[in-house]
C-alpha atoms as a PDB file:
ATOM      1  CA  MET A   1     -14.066 -11.627   6.391  1.00  0.00           C
ATOM      2  CA  ILE A   2     -11.648  -8.745   5.777  1.00  0.00           C
ATOM      3  CA  TYR A   3     -10.485  -6.479   8.600  1.00  0.00           C
ATOM      4  CA  GLU A   4      -9.066  -2.948   8.336  1.00  0.00           C
ATOM      5  CA  LYS A   5      -8.048  -0.310  10.857  1.00  0.00           C
ATOM      6  CA  ALA A   6      -8.790   3.356  10.150  1.00  0.00           C
ATOM      7  CA  PHE A   7      -6.384   5.530  12.143  1.00  0.00           C
ATOM      8  CA  ALA A   8      -7.122   9.081  13.302  1.00  0.00           C
ATOM      9  CA  LYS A   9      -4.740  12.001  12.773  1.00  0.00           C
ATOM     10  CA  ILE A  10      -3.640  15.190  14.417  1.00  0.00           C
ATOM     11  CA  ASN A  11      -2.250  18.286  12.700  1.00  0.00           C
ATOM     12  CA  LEU A  12       1.125  19.496  13.915  1.00  0.00           C
ATOM     13  CA  ALA A  13       1.160  22.285  11.334  1.00  0.00           C
ATOM     14  CA  LEU A  14      -1.782  23.556   9.330  1.00  0.00           C
ATOM     15  CA  GLU A  15      -1.147  26.525   7.088  1.00  0.00           C
ATOM     16  CA  VAL A  16      -4.256  27.601   5.193  1.00  0.00           C
ATOM     17  CA  GLY A  17      -3.806  29.804   2.134  1.00  0.00           C
ATOM     18  CA  GLN A  18      -6.181  32.060   0.282  1.00  0.00           C
ATOM     19  CA  LEU A  19      -9.492  30.937  -1.145  1.00  0.00           C
ATOM     20  CA  GLU A  20      -9.009  29.813  -4.734  1.00  0.00           C
ATOM     21  CA  GLU A  21     -11.348  30.016  -7.720  1.00  0.00           C
ATOM     22  CA  ASP A  22     -12.542  26.440  -7.205  1.00  0.00           C
ATOM     23  CA  GLY A  23     -13.879  27.367  -3.767  1.00  0.00           C
ATOM     24  CA  TYR A  24     -11.143  25.583  -1.790  1.00  0.00           C
ATOM     25  CA  HIS A  25      -8.160  26.845   0.188  1.00  0.00           C
ATOM     26  CA  SER A  26      -4.612  25.738  -0.528  1.00  0.00           C
ATOM     27  CA  VAL A  27      -2.909  24.178   2.508  1.00  0.00           C
ATOM     28  CA  GLN A  28       0.381  23.015   3.931  1.00  0.00           C
ATOM     29  CA  ASN A  29      -0.700  20.390   6.399  1.00  0.00           C
ATOM     30  CA  LEU A  30       1.718  18.298   8.481  1.00  0.00           C
ATOM     31  CA  MET A  31      -0.445  15.312   9.359  1.00  0.00           C
ATOM     32  CA  VAL A  32       0.490  12.599  11.827  1.00  0.00           C
ATOM     33  CA  PRO A  33      -1.401   9.296  12.276  1.00  0.00           C
ATOM     34  CA  ILE A  34      -2.111   8.245  15.851  1.00  0.00           C
ATOM     35  CA  ASP A  35      -3.061   4.954  17.470  1.00  0.00           C
ATOM     36  CA  LEU A  36      -6.744   5.827  17.896  1.00  0.00           C
ATOM     37  CA  TYR A  37      -8.620   3.911  15.235  1.00  0.00           C
ATOM     38  CA  ASP A  38     -11.965   2.721  13.926  1.00  0.00           C
ATOM     39  CA  GLU A  39     -12.392  -0.919  12.923  1.00  0.00           C
ATOM     40  CA  LEU A  40     -14.031  -2.067   9.712  1.00  0.00           C
ATOM     41  CA  PHE A  41     -15.133  -5.637   8.885  1.00  0.00           C
ATOM     42  CA  PHE A  42     -15.983  -6.503   5.273  1.00  0.00           C
ATOM     43  CA  GLN A  43     -17.891  -9.434   3.824  1.00  0.00           C
ATOM     44  CA  LYS A  44     -19.729 -10.078   0.578  1.00  0.00           C
ATOM     45  CA  SER A  45     -23.471  -9.604   0.788  1.00  0.00           C
ATOM     46  CA  ILE A  46     -26.703  -9.355  -1.203  1.00  0.00           C
ATOM     47  CA  GLN A  47     -26.743  -5.557  -0.850  1.00  0.00           C
ATOM     48  CA  ASP A  48     -24.383  -2.750   0.091  1.00  0.00           C
ATOM     49  CA  THR A  49     -24.811  -1.882   3.766  1.00  0.00           C
ATOM     50  CA  ILE A  50     -22.971  -0.121   6.575  1.00  0.00           C
ATOM     51  CA  GLU A  51     -23.708  -1.271  10.110  1.00  0.00           C
ATOM     52  CA  CYS A  52     -22.544   1.118  12.818  1.00  0.00           C
ATOM     53  CA  GLU A  53     -23.542   1.676  16.421  1.00  0.00           C
ATOM     54  CA  VAL A  54     -23.214   5.422  15.855  1.00  0.00           C
ATOM     55  CA  SER A  55     -25.689   7.157  13.557  1.00  0.00           C
ATOM     56  CA  ILE A  56     -23.698   8.830  10.769  1.00  0.00           C
ATOM     57  CA  GLU A  57     -25.585  10.856   8.187  1.00  0.00           C
ATOM     58  CA  ASP A  58     -24.389  10.752   4.584  1.00  0.00           C
ATOM     59  CA  ASN A  59     -21.831   8.028   5.333  1.00  0.00           C
ATOM     60  CA  ILE A  60     -18.747   8.515   3.176  1.00  0.00           C
ATOM     61  CA  CYS A  61     -18.069   4.762   3.165  1.00  0.00           C
ATOM     62  CA  LEU A  62     -21.155   4.212   0.987  1.00  0.00           C
ATOM     63  CA  LYS A  63     -19.754   6.725  -1.488  1.00  0.00           C
ATOM     64  CA  ALA A  64     -16.457   4.830  -1.436  1.00  0.00           C
ATOM     65  CA  ILE A  65     -18.248   1.573  -2.197  1.00  0.00           C
ATOM     66  CA  LYS A  66     -20.091   3.133  -5.126  1.00  0.00           C
ATOM     67  CA  LEU A  67     -16.950   4.647  -6.646  1.00  0.00           C
ATOM     68  CA  PHE A  68     -14.922   1.468  -6.170  1.00  0.00           C
ATOM     69  CA  LYS A  69     -17.541  -0.786  -7.773  1.00  0.00           C
ATOM     70  CA  GLU A  70     -17.958   1.569 -10.732  1.00  0.00           C
ATOM     71  CA  LYS A  71     -14.199   1.804 -11.228  1.00  0.00           C
ATOM     72  CA  PHE A  72     -13.646  -1.974 -11.281  1.00  0.00           C
ATOM     73  CA  ASN A  73     -17.005  -3.085 -12.754  1.00  0.00           C
ATOM     74  CA  ILE A  74     -17.947  -5.093  -9.667  1.00  0.00           C
ATOM     75  CA  ASN A  75     -21.523  -6.401  -9.481  1.00  0.00           C
ATOM     76  CA  GLN A  76     -21.267  -8.061  -6.084  1.00  0.00           C
ATOM     77  CA  CYS A  77     -22.259  -6.236  -2.920  1.00  0.00           C
ATOM     78  CA  VAL A  78     -20.566  -5.755   0.436  1.00  0.00           C
ATOM     79  CA  SER A  79     -21.633  -5.474   4.046  1.00  0.00           C
ATOM     80  CA  ILE A  80     -19.375  -3.363   6.263  1.00  0.00           C
ATOM     81  CA  THR A  81     -19.537  -3.395  10.033  1.00  0.00           C
ATOM     82  CA  LEU A  82     -17.983  -0.185  11.328  1.00  0.00           C
ATOM     83  CA  SER A  83     -16.906   0.041  14.954  1.00  0.00           C
ATOM     84  CA  LYS A  84     -16.409   3.726  15.788  1.00  0.00           C
ATOM     85  CA  ASN A  85     -13.714   4.637  18.296  1.00  0.00           C
ATOM     86  CA  ILE A  86     -12.750   7.977  16.739  1.00  0.00           C
ATOM     87  CA  PRO A  87     -15.289  10.603  17.818  1.00  0.00           C
ATOM     88  CA  ILE A  88     -17.239  12.200  14.978  1.00  0.00           C
ATOM     89  CA  MET A  89     -17.020  15.916  14.091  1.00  0.00           C
ATOM     90  CA  ALA A  90     -13.864  16.098  16.184  1.00  0.00           C
ATOM     91  CA  GLY A  91     -11.171  17.416  13.841  1.00  0.00           C
ATOM     92  CA  LEU A  92      -9.509  13.983  13.803  1.00  0.00           C
ATOM     93  CA  ALA A  93     -10.657  13.024  10.270  1.00  0.00           C
ATOM     94  CA  GLY A  94     -12.322   9.767  11.306  1.00  0.00           C
ATOM     95  CA  GLY A  95     -14.692   9.839   8.328  1.00  0.00           C
ATOM     96  CA  SER A  96     -11.876  10.374   5.834  1.00  0.00           C
ATOM     97  CA  SER A  97      -9.875   7.564   7.399  1.00  0.00           C
ATOM     98  CA  ASP A  98     -12.911   5.250   7.259  1.00  0.00           C
ATOM     99  CA  ALA A  99     -13.280   6.029   3.546  1.00  0.00           C
ATOM    100  CA  ALA A 100      -9.630   5.174   2.851  1.00  0.00           C
ATOM    101  CA  ALA A 101      -9.930   1.957   4.872  1.00  0.00           C
ATOM    102  CA  THR A 102     -13.029   1.091   2.842  1.00  0.00           C
ATOM    103  CA  LEU A 103     -11.061   1.407  -0.402  1.00  0.00           C
ATOM    104  CA  ARG A 104      -8.289  -0.812   0.990  1.00  0.00           C
ATOM    105  CA  GLY A 105     -10.759  -3.344   2.349  1.00  0.00           C
ATOM    106  CA  LEU A 106     -12.728  -3.593  -0.899  1.00  0.00           C
ATOM    107  CA  ASN A 107      -9.497  -4.087  -2.824  1.00  0.00           C
ATOM    108  CA  ARG A 108      -8.700  -7.082  -0.642  1.00  0.00           C
ATOM    109  CA  LEU A 109     -12.263  -8.436  -0.469  1.00  0.00           C
ATOM    110  CA  PHE A 110     -12.807  -8.465  -4.236  1.00  0.00           C
ATOM    111  CA  GLU A 111      -9.143  -9.232  -5.044  1.00  0.00           C
ATOM    112  CA  THR A 112      -9.042  -6.469  -7.630  1.00  0.00           C
ATOM    113  CA  LYS A 113      -5.283  -5.920  -7.251  1.00  0.00           C
ATOM    114  CA  ALA A 114      -5.772  -2.165  -7.513  1.00  0.00           C
ATOM    115  CA  THR A 115      -2.572  -0.153  -7.325  1.00  0.00           C
ATOM    116  CA  TYR A 116      -1.952   2.704  -4.911  1.00  0.00           C
ATOM    117  CA  GLU A 117      -2.450   5.039  -7.877  1.00  0.00           C
ATOM    118  CA  ASP A 118      -5.872   3.480  -8.561  1.00  0.00           C
ATOM    119  CA  LEU A 119      -6.963   3.948  -4.950  1.00  0.00           C
ATOM    120  CA  TYR A 120      -5.479   7.441  -4.842  1.00  0.00           C
ATOM    121  CA  GLU A 121      -7.623   8.484  -7.813  1.00  0.00           C
ATOM    122  CA  LEU A 122     -10.755   7.329  -5.978  1.00  0.00           C
ATOM    123  CA  ALA A 123      -9.629   8.831  -2.666  1.00  0.00           C
ATOM    124  CA  CYS A 124      -9.268  12.272  -4.261  1.00  0.00           C
ATOM    125  CA  GLN A 125     -12.889  12.091  -5.391  1.00  0.00           C
ATOM    126  CA  LEU A 126     -14.034  11.354  -1.832  1.00  0.00           C
ATOM    127  CA  GLY A 127     -12.319  14.240  -0.038  1.00  0.00           C
ATOM    128  CA  SER A 128      -9.079  16.168   0.354  1.00  0.00           C
ATOM    129  CA  ASP A 129      -8.000  14.290   3.513  1.00  0.00           C
ATOM    130  CA  VAL A 130      -8.784  10.787   2.232  1.00  0.00           C
ATOM    131  CA  PRO A 131      -5.557  10.235   0.189  1.00  0.00           C
ATOM    132  CA  PHE A 132      -3.426  10.759   3.320  1.00  0.00           C
ATOM    133  CA  PHE A 133      -5.035   7.742   4.982  1.00  0.00           C
ATOM    134  CA  LEU A 134      -4.287   5.250   2.223  1.00  0.00           C
ATOM    135  CA  LYS A 135      -0.971   4.665   4.013  1.00  0.00           C
ATOM    136  CA  VAL A 136      -0.034   5.033   7.681  1.00  0.00           C
ATOM    137  CA  GLN A 137       2.719   7.625   7.517  1.00  0.00           C
ATOM    138  CA  THR A 138       3.594  11.135   8.627  1.00  0.00           C
ATOM    139  CA  ALA A 139       3.323  13.436   5.636  1.00  0.00           C
ATOM    140  CA  MET A 140       3.117  17.003   4.437  1.00  0.00           C
ATOM    141  CA  CYS A 141      -0.130  17.377   2.549  1.00  0.00           C
ATOM    142  CA  THR A 142      -0.338  20.249   0.079  1.00  0.00           C
ATOM    143  CA  GLY A 143      -2.607  21.441  -2.723  1.00  0.00           C
ATOM    144  CA  HIS A 144      -6.029  21.102  -1.137  1.00  0.00           C
ATOM    145  CA  GLY A 145      -4.575  18.364   1.059  1.00  0.00           C
ATOM    146  CA  GLU A 146      -4.537  15.679  -1.612  1.00  0.00           C
ATOM    147  CA  ILE A 147      -0.850  15.970  -2.608  1.00  0.00           C
ATOM    148  CA  ILE A 148       0.975  13.652  -0.202  1.00  0.00           C
ATOM    149  CA  GLN A 149       4.679  14.095   0.537  1.00  0.00           C
ATOM    150  CA  PRO A 150       5.866  11.472   3.081  1.00  0.00           C
ATOM    151  CA  LEU A 151       8.338  12.857   5.613  1.00  0.00           C
ATOM    152  CA  ASP A 152      11.393  10.872   6.582  1.00  0.00           C
ATOM    153  CA  ILE A 153      11.133  11.691  10.284  1.00  0.00           C
ATOM    154  CA  TYR A 154      10.717   9.260  13.159  1.00  0.00           C
ATOM    155  CA  LEU A 155       8.260  10.451  15.792  1.00  0.00           C
ATOM    156  CA  GLY A 156       8.996   7.625  18.200  1.00  0.00           C
ATOM    157  CA  ASN A 157       5.579   7.060  19.800  1.00  0.00           C
ATOM    158  CA  ILE A 158       5.140  10.562  21.181  1.00  0.00           C
ATOM    159  CA  PRO A 159       2.364  10.455  23.811  1.00  0.00           C
ATOM    160  CA  PHE A 160      -0.607  12.794  23.362  1.00  0.00           C
ATOM    161  CA  LEU A 161      -3.710  13.501  25.345  1.00  0.00           C
ATOM    162  CA  ILE A 162      -6.716  14.291  23.169  1.00  0.00           C
ATOM    163  CA  ILE A 163      -9.539  16.168  24.827  1.00  0.00           C
ATOM    164  CA  LYS A 164     -12.867  16.057  23.002  1.00  0.00           C
ATOM    165  CA  PRO A 165     -15.687  18.400  24.063  1.00  0.00           C
ATOM    166  CA  ALA A 166     -19.242  17.058  23.935  1.00  0.00           C
ATOM    167  CA  PHE A 167     -20.118  19.203  20.915  1.00  0.00           C
ATOM    168  CA  GLY A 168     -18.924  19.180  17.312  1.00  0.00           C
ATOM    169  CA  LEU A 169     -17.888  21.934  14.929  1.00  0.00           C
ATOM    170  CA  SER A 170     -18.646  22.314  11.240  1.00  0.00           C
ATOM    171  CA  THR A 171     -15.483  22.195   9.121  1.00  0.00           C
ATOM    172  CA  LYS A 172     -17.310  24.110   6.403  1.00  0.00           C
ATOM    173  CA  GLU A 173     -18.260  26.905   8.806  1.00  0.00           C
ATOM    174  CA  ILE A 174     -14.731  27.186  10.205  1.00  0.00           C
ATOM    175  CA  TYR A 175     -13.249  27.529   6.719  1.00  0.00           C
ATOM    176  CA  GLN A 176     -15.915  30.061   5.738  1.00  0.00           C
ATOM    177  CA  ASN A 177     -14.907  32.212   8.719  1.00  0.00           C
ATOM    178  CA  TYR A 178     -11.183  32.000   7.926  1.00  0.00           C
ATOM    179  CA  HIS A 179      -9.316  34.933   6.386  1.00  0.00           C
ATOM    180  CA  TRP A 180      -5.834  34.462   4.948  1.00  0.00           C
ATOM    181  CA  SER A 181      -3.146  36.647   6.533  1.00  0.00           C
ATOM    182  CA  GLY A 182      -0.866  36.534   3.489  1.00  0.00           C
ATOM    183  CA  ILE A 183       2.103  35.529   5.652  1.00  0.00           C
ATOM    184  CA  SER A 184       4.079  32.383   4.776  1.00  0.00           C
ATOM    185  CA  LYS A 185       4.833  29.948   7.604  1.00  0.00           C
ATOM    186  CA  ASN A 186       7.482  27.870   5.810  1.00  0.00           C
ATOM    187  CA  THR A 187      10.122  28.846   8.371  1.00  0.00           C
ATOM    188  CA  MET A 188       7.928  27.700  11.260  1.00  0.00           C
ATOM    189  CA  ILE A 189       7.290  24.390   9.531  1.00  0.00           C
ATOM    190  CA  GLN A 190      11.014  23.740   9.078  1.00  0.00           C
ATOM    191  CA  LYS A 191      11.720  24.645  12.712  1.00  0.00           C
ATOM    192  CA  LEU A 192       8.924  22.314  13.805  1.00  0.00           C
ATOM    193  CA  ILE A 193      10.374  19.434  11.787  1.00  0.00           C
ATOM    194  CA  THR A 194      13.762  20.050  13.435  1.00  0.00           C
ATOM    195  CA  ALA A 195      12.115  20.058  16.883  1.00  0.00           C
ATOM    196  CA  ILE A 196      10.384  16.758  16.070  1.00  0.00           C
ATOM    197  CA  GLN A 197      13.652  15.200  14.951  1.00  0.00           C
ATOM    198  CA  GLU A 198      15.310  16.318  18.193  1.00  0.00           C
ATOM    199  CA  LYS A 199      12.339  15.172  20.326  1.00  0.00           C
ATOM    200  CA  ASP A 200      12.292  18.622  21.933  1.00  0.00           C
ATOM    201  CA  PHE A 201       8.757  18.914  23.324  1.00  0.00           C
ATOM    202  CA  ASP A 202       9.168  22.540  24.384  1.00  0.00           C
ATOM    203  CA  LEU A 203      10.232  23.561  20.890  1.00  0.00           C
ATOM    204  CA  MET A 204       7.482  21.474  19.355  1.00  0.00           C
ATOM    205  CA  ASP A 205       4.924  23.290  21.490  1.00  0.00           C
ATOM    206  CA  GLU A 206       6.415  26.581  20.355  1.00  0.00           C
ATOM    207  CA  TYR A 207       6.263  25.800  16.627  1.00  0.00           C
ATOM    208  CA  ILE A 208       3.101  23.708  16.350  1.00  0.00           C
ATOM    209  CA  PHE A 209       0.500  25.915  14.710  1.00  0.00           C
ATOM    210  CA  ASN A 210      -2.946  25.724  13.181  1.00  0.00           C
ATOM    211  CA  ASP A 211      -4.342  28.594  11.124  1.00  0.00           C
ATOM    212  CA  LEU A 212      -7.859  27.414  11.958  1.00  0.00           C
ATOM    213  CA  GLN A 213      -7.332  27.433  15.727  1.00  0.00           C
ATOM    214  CA  GLU A 214      -8.246  31.062  16.368  1.00  0.00           C
ATOM    215  CA  VAL A 215     -11.222  30.767  14.032  1.00  0.00           C
ATOM    216  CA  ALA A 216     -12.482  27.722  15.952  1.00  0.00           C
ATOM    217  CA  LEU A 217     -12.005  29.453  19.309  1.00  0.00           C
ATOM    218  CA  THR A 218     -13.778  32.582  18.087  1.00  0.00           C
ATOM    219  CA  THR A 219     -16.597  30.609  16.474  1.00  0.00           C
ATOM    220  CA  SER A 220     -17.184  28.504  19.585  1.00  0.00           C
ATOM    221  CA  PRO A 221     -17.071  30.286  22.986  1.00  0.00           C
ATOM    222  CA  GLU A 222     -17.575  26.856  24.581  1.00  0.00           C
ATOM    223  CA  LEU A 223     -14.384  25.575  22.981  1.00  0.00           C
ATOM    224  CA  ALA A 224     -12.531  28.747  23.966  1.00  0.00           C
ATOM    225  CA  GLU A 225     -13.594  28.226  27.578  1.00  0.00           C
ATOM    226  CA  VAL A 226     -12.189  24.678  27.656  1.00  0.00           C
ATOM    227  CA  PHE A 227      -9.019  25.799  25.850  1.00  0.00           C
ATOM    228  CA  HIS A 228      -8.293  28.603  28.312  1.00  0.00           C
ATOM    229  CA  LYS A 229      -9.014  26.388  31.318  1.00  0.00           C
ATOM    230  CA  ILE A 230      -6.324  23.995  30.064  1.00  0.00           C
ATOM    231  CA  GLU A 231      -3.932  26.915  29.661  1.00  0.00           C
ATOM    232  CA  GLY A 232      -4.756  27.870  33.234  1.00  0.00           C
ATOM    233  CA  LEU A 233      -3.303  24.534  34.361  1.00  0.00           C
ATOM    234  CA  SER A 234       0.003  25.515  32.685  1.00  0.00           C
ATOM    235  CA  TYR A 235      -0.353  23.112  29.757  1.00  0.00           C
ATOM    236  CA  VAL A 236       0.004  24.112  26.099  1.00  0.00           C
ATOM    237  CA  PRO A 237      -3.191  23.109  24.246  1.00  0.00           C
ATOM    238  CA  HIS A 238      -3.483  22.800  20.472  1.00  0.00           C
ATOM    239  CA  VAL A 239      -6.640  22.493  18.385  1.00  0.00           C
ATOM    240  CA  SER A 240      -6.508  19.709  15.792  1.00  0.00           C
ATOM    241  CA  GLY A 241      -7.836  20.610  12.360  1.00  0.00           C
ATOM    242  CA  SER A 242     -11.093  22.554  12.463  1.00  0.00           C
ATOM    243  CA  GLY A 243     -11.724  21.373  16.018  1.00  0.00           C
ATOM    244  CA  PRO A 244     -13.123  20.918  18.506  1.00  0.00           C
ATOM    245  CA  SER A 245     -10.596  18.304  19.676  1.00  0.00           C
ATOM    246  CA  ILE A 246      -7.668  19.683  21.656  1.00  0.00           C
ATOM    247  CA  PHE A 247      -4.396  17.851  22.170  1.00  0.00           C
ATOM    248  CA  ILE A 248      -1.551  18.223  24.646  1.00  0.00           C
ATOM    249  CA  LEU A 249       1.955  16.938  23.958  1.00  0.00           C
ATOM    250  CA  ASN A 250       3.960  14.648  26.223  1.00  0.00           C
ATOM    251  CA  ALA A 251       0.995  13.116  28.031  1.00  0.00           C
ATOM    252  CA  LYS A 252       3.237  11.407  30.617  1.00  0.00           C
ATOM    253  CA  THR A 253       3.636  14.754  32.377  1.00  0.00           C
ATOM    254  CA  ILE A 254      -0.103  15.442  32.654  1.00  0.00           C
ATOM    255  CA  ASP A 255      -1.986  15.328  35.954  1.00  0.00           C
ATOM    256  CA  MET A 256      -5.103  13.549  34.718  1.00  0.00           C
ATOM    257  CA  GLU A 257      -7.109  14.256  37.865  1.00  0.00           C
ATOM    258  CA  ASN A 258      -6.751  18.006  37.348  1.00  0.00           C
ATOM    259  CA  ILE A 259      -7.586  17.744  33.667  1.00  0.00           C
ATOM    260  CA  LYS A 260     -10.655  15.576  34.242  1.00  0.00           C
ATOM    261  CA  ALA A 261     -11.907  17.994  36.884  1.00  0.00           C
ATOM    262  CA  LEU A 262     -12.256  20.741  34.256  1.00  0.00           C
ATOM    263  CA  ASP A 263     -15.571  19.524  32.865  1.00  0.00           C
ATOM    264  CA  ASP A 264     -17.568  16.316  33.345  1.00  0.00           C
ATOM    265  CA  SER A 265     -18.680  16.323  29.689  1.00  0.00           C
ATOM    266  CA  LEU A 266     -15.166  16.075  28.233  1.00  0.00           C
ATOM    267  CA  GLU A 267     -13.888  12.860  26.650  1.00  0.00           C
ATOM    268  CA  PHE A 268     -10.220  11.887  26.995  1.00  0.00           C
ATOM    269  CA  TYR A 269      -8.043   9.724  24.740  1.00  0.00           C
ATOM    270  CA  LEU A 270      -4.460   8.834  25.616  1.00  0.00           C
ATOM    271  CA  CYS A 271      -2.719   8.226  22.299  1.00  0.00           C
ATOM    272  CA  HIS A 272       0.676   7.891  20.639  1.00  0.00           C
ATOM    273  CA  THR A 273       2.020   8.774  17.241  1.00  0.00           C
ATOM    274  CA  ILE A 274       2.594   5.806  14.942  1.00  0.00           C
END
């Protein structure tokens, strides 16, 4: 049996450009893997199956299996048991990470000796975020998110609190409601990288940004209510990706009793960068 971890991510910087002719936005996306992960177990089987305690429609892992087997002319089948720890529709890219872990796991299970470039080609066909998860590394993702530029910065296990509301948000809807401002944020990104290198949490909070945050808050009054309640406790909340997950830096300083008292339906995940 083959075992793979599929790590979640948060966005420390997400600049979304104008809508291009292919229907996608260009991005500059500083993505950071965190120690919240799904677990995948692979074994050969008589048919391709995904077993998961959470019902997931249109499971991307099945698409990954199909692409991988076609690419390497594999006739055998695989059974994957997927243990979900990353909440779905949360802005943490759990599905994309599962897909990347599936490609890695199949490569090991069938001993195909596929190169990173081979897996990258398949990952790009599965989704813009999937290539990032082929390796566990902080990176700037550009293009539509598929161009991966690893960053030589050490995050040093920065503690985060992730707050997940009980509802999900549609990434497609958030992007459809987004309008490009035309203003470059390259300077903010460079200042953020400097703040990360200096482990200056106050500066990080100042320069972390997400072009989709205001769209998510406007689209979902329920999310906006949670967000502003957190602000009312004098914390600096940030929406990850298209939401609805919210994260707070430097979790060691957080009064968890006050945070948990905000709403009984909220889920909380204490995490670190990796």
